Amino acid sequence: MSDWREFDQNPVSHSAAHHLTTIGDLHDEVGYARVSDVARHLGITRGSVSVTLKGLRHRGLVVEDEHKHLSLSVEGQRIAQGIRTKRILIQALFRDVLGVPDEIAEQDACKIEHLISDMTAEAAGSLLEGLEDLSEDQRIRSLVESARSSSDSSSPFPDTATQQLANRLLKKAAAIESEDS
């Protein structure tokens, strides 16, 4: 069983992830970012932005110049780019492989982009890359269509088939774990 406390080891919180990526996006778009710009973009108060930025500045992820313009340190840029990449990969996995509607895929990817490990993101990228090569294969399209049609259901989650699959997968994981012990 994994340790749920590992979430404390994430480089940034959900809120901080949005602040970092917003500063990076604003800097790319207009060449600078101010507290008011970040607040407007995120739809929150300047005070809320200031509180989060204090911690990000303290950690050396955000820097502020004499004109009160914000930018990301090298480490802040690395973290923001990693978060963006994870969001893109997870959104594509949900949308293109699982058949989740784009709006929901985007919302769900946003929720977990800063939580998943680099290893999981790289595995998702490898899967997507492999599927990209096979995208013309009718079997893949058939699987995606099947996933889409099952996800259109409005029945409560999990349905019987999904619960049975989860039980089988749990048993399989336990068997693998006991073999490794």
Protein backbone atom coordinates (compact mmCIF):
# COMPACT_ATOMS: atom_id res chain seq x y z
CA MET A 1 0.00 0.00 0.00
CA SER A 2 1.41 3.40 -0.92
CA ASP A 3 1.82 6.10 1.66
CA TRP A 4 -0.86 8.77 1.16
CA ARG A 5 1.44 11.25 2.90
CA GLU A 6 3.59 11.32 -0.24
CA PHE A 7 1.30 14.13 -1.41
CA ASP A 8 3.19 16.35 1.02
CA GLN A 9 6.30 15.76 -1.10
CA ASN A 10 4.88 17.45 -4.21
CA PRO A 11 6.95 20.43 -5.29
CA VAL A 12 3.95 22.80 -5.20
CA SER A 13 0.29 22.88 -4.19
CA HIS A 14 -2.56 23.08 -6.68
CA SER A 15 -2.87 26.82 -6.09
CA ALA A 16 0.87 27.43 -6.38
CA ALA A 17 0.94 25.40 -9.61
CA HIS A 18 -1.66 27.76 -11.10
CA HIS A 19 0.29 30.80 -9.95
CA LEU A 20 3.53 29.52 -11.48
CA THR A 21 1.99 28.56 -14.81
CA THR A 22 0.06 31.84 -14.97
CA ILE A 23 3.20 33.89 -14.38
CA GLY A 24 4.96 31.88 -17.07
CA ASP A 25 2.05 32.25 -19.51
CA LEU A 26 1.74 36.01 -18.91
CA HIS A 27 5.48 36.44 -19.28
CA ASP A 28 5.38 34.54 -22.60
CA GLU A 29 2.33 36.48 -23.86
CA VAL A 30 3.07 40.08 -22.82
CA GLY A 31 6.63 40.00 -21.50
CA TYR A 32 5.81 40.61 -17.84
CA ALA A 33 3.42 39.67 -15.06
CA ARG A 34 2.21 41.76 -12.15
CA VAL A 35 0.26 40.70 -9.07
CA SER A 36 -2.87 42.34 -10.53
CA ASP A 37 -2.41 40.45 -13.83
CA VAL A 38 -2.08 37.12 -12.04
CA ALA A 39 -5.15 37.89 -9.90
CA ARG A 40 -7.22 38.85 -12.93
CA HIS A 41 -6.13 35.76 -14.88
CA LEU A 42 -6.92 33.42 -11.97
CA GLY A 43 -10.11 35.24 -10.94
CA ILE A 44 -8.96 35.81 -7.36
CA THR A 45 -8.02 38.82 -5.24
CA ARG A 46 -4.63 40.51 -5.31
CA GLY A 47 -4.35 39.70 -1.61
CA SER A 48 -4.72 35.96 -2.31
CA VAL A 49 -2.08 36.17 -5.01
CA SER A 50 0.27 38.06 -2.65
CA VAL A 51 -0.07 35.38 0.03
CA THR A 52 0.81 32.57 -2.39
CA LEU A 53 3.61 34.58 -4.00
CA LYS A 54 5.23 35.18 -0.62
CA GLY A 55 5.82 31.44 -0.26
CA LEU A 56 6.92 31.05 -3.87
CA ARG A 57 9.39 33.94 -3.51
CA HIS A 58 10.69 32.48 -0.26
CA ARG A 59 11.33 29.15 -2.02
CA GLY A 60 13.14 30.95 -4.84
CA LEU A 61 10.61 29.99 -7.52
CA VAL A 62 9.36 33.52 -8.28
CA VAL A 63 11.40 36.71 -8.46
CA GLU A 64 10.18 40.30 -8.49
CA ASP A 65 12.12 43.19 -10.02
CA GLU A 66 12.22 46.85 -8.99
CA HIS A 67 9.15 47.56 -11.19
CA LYS A 68 7.09 44.90 -9.34
CA HIS A 69 7.21 42.64 -12.39
CA LEU A 70 7.16 38.93 -11.57
CA SER A 71 9.11 36.23 -13.33
CA LEU A 72 10.03 32.63 -12.68
CA SER A 73 13.45 31.53 -11.52
CA VAL A 74 15.12 28.71 -13.44
CA GLU A 75 13.64 26.23 -10.94
CA GLY A 76 10.23 27.93 -11.15
CA GLN A 77 10.36 27.65 -14.96
CA ARG A 78 11.29 23.95 -14.70
CA ILE A 79 8.38 23.22 -12.36
CA ALA A 80 5.89 25.25 -14.42
CA GLN A 81 6.97 23.53 -17.64
CA GLY A 82 6.65 20.13 -15.97
CA ILE A 83 3.13 20.97 -14.79
CA ARG A 84 2.12 22.18 -18.27
CA THR A 85 3.53 19.04 -19.87
CA LYS A 86 1.76 16.76 -17.40
CA ARG A 87 -1.53 18.60 -18.03
CA ILE A 88 -1.17 18.15 -21.79
CA LEU A 89 -0.29 14.47 -21.50
CA ILE A 90 -3.02 13.61 -19.01
CA GLN A 91 -5.65 15.58 -20.90
CA ALA A 92 -4.70 13.78 -24.13
CA LEU A 93 -4.76 10.41 -22.36
CA PHE A 94 -8.22 11.07 -20.96
CA ARG A 95 -9.59 12.55 -24.19
CA ASP A 96 -7.88 10.52 -26.90
CA VAL A 97 -7.50 7.14 -25.23
CA LEU A 98 -10.32 7.00 -22.69
CA GLY A 99 -12.78 9.01 -24.78
CA VAL A 100 -13.58 11.52 -22.05
CA PRO A 101 -15.13 14.74 -23.44
CA ASP A 102 -12.49 17.46 -23.83
CA GLU A 103 -13.95 19.81 -21.20
CA ILE A 104 -14.00 17.09 -18.54
CA ALA A 105 -10.58 15.81 -19.60
CA GLU A 106 -9.21 19.35 -19.19
CA GLN A 107 -10.80 19.76 -15.73
CA ASP A 108 -9.58 16.38 -14.50
CA ALA A 109 -6.06 16.92 -15.90
CA CYS A 110 -5.95 20.27 -14.08
CA LYS A 111 -6.86 18.54 -10.82
CA ILE A 112 -3.98 16.07 -10.98
CA GLU A 113 -1.27 17.73 -13.08
CA HIS A 114 0.79 18.68 -10.03
CA LEU A 115 0.16 15.42 -8.15
CA ILE A 116 1.38 12.72 -10.52
CA SER A 117 5.00 11.64 -10.56
CA ASP A 118 7.36 12.34 -13.42
CA MET A 119 7.53 8.57 -13.96
CA THR A 120 3.75 8.34 -14.45
CA ALA A 121 3.76 11.33 -16.81
CA GLU A 122 6.57 9.77 -18.85
CA ALA A 123 4.66 6.47 -19.01
CA ALA A 124 1.56 8.32 -20.22
CA GLY A 125 3.72 10.06 -22.83
CA SER A 126 5.19 6.75 -23.99
CA LEU A 127 1.72 5.23 -24.28
CA LEU A 128 0.43 8.20 -26.26
CA GLU A 129 3.48 8.14 -28.50
CA GLY A 130 2.99 4.44 -29.18
CA LEU A 131 -0.70 4.93 -29.88
CA GLU A 132 0.10 7.83 -32.20
CA ASP A 133 1.95 5.36 -34.43
CA LEU A 134 -1.05 2.98 -34.33
CA SER A 135 -3.78 5.61 -34.65
CA GLU A 136 -4.73 4.33 -38.12
CA ASP A 137 -5.29 0.83 -36.78
CA GLN A 138 -9.02 0.06 -36.76
CA ARG A 139 -8.72 -1.92 -33.50
CA ILE A 140 -7.53 1.17 -31.63
CA ARG A 141 -10.35 3.29 -33.02
CA SER A 142 -12.78 0.58 -32.06
CA LEU A 143 -11.48 0.53 -28.48
CA VAL A 144 -11.71 4.31 -28.21
CA GLU A 145 -15.28 4.27 -29.54
CA SER A 146 -16.17 1.53 -27.07
CA ALA A 147 -14.74 3.59 -24.19
CA ARG A 148 -16.63 6.67 -25.37
CA SER A 149 -19.95 4.87 -25.56
CA SER A 150 -19.53 3.39 -22.10
CA SER A 151 -18.56 6.79 -20.64
CA ASP A 152 -21.73 8.40 -22.02
CA SER A 153 -23.81 6.42 -19.54
CA SER A 154 -25.51 8.35 -16.78
CA SER A 155 -25.65 5.40 -14.37
CA PRO A 156 -23.93 5.71 -10.98
CA PHE A 157 -20.24 4.91 -10.75
CA PRO A 158 -19.02 2.24 -10.53
CA ASP A 159 -21.27 -0.05 -12.52
CA THR A 160 -21.05 -3.80 -11.91
CA ALA A 161 -18.66 -4.48 -14.80
CA THR A 162 -16.29 -1.70 -13.74
CA GLN A 163 -16.32 -2.89 -10.12
CA GLN A 164 -15.59 -6.48 -11.22
CA LEU A 165 -12.69 -5.23 -13.35
CA ALA A 166 -11.32 -3.25 -10.38
CA ASN A 167 -11.53 -6.36 -8.19
CA ARG A 168 -9.65 -8.44 -10.81
CA LEU A 169 -6.98 -5.75 -11.17
CA LEU A 170 -6.59 -5.55 -7.39
CA LYS A 171 -6.09 -9.34 -7.17
CA LYS A 172 -3.59 -9.21 -10.03
CA ALA A 173 -1.60 -6.43 -8.30
CA ALA A 174 -1.61 -8.37 -5.02
CA ALA A 175 -0.31 -11.48 -6.81
CA ILE A 176 2.48 -9.50 -8.45
CA GLU A 177 3.37 -7.89 -5.11
CA SER A 178 3.54 -11.28 -3.36
CA GLU A 179 5.79 -12.63 -6.14
CA ASP A 180 8.14 -9.69 -5.67
CA SER A 181 8.34 -10.24 -1.88
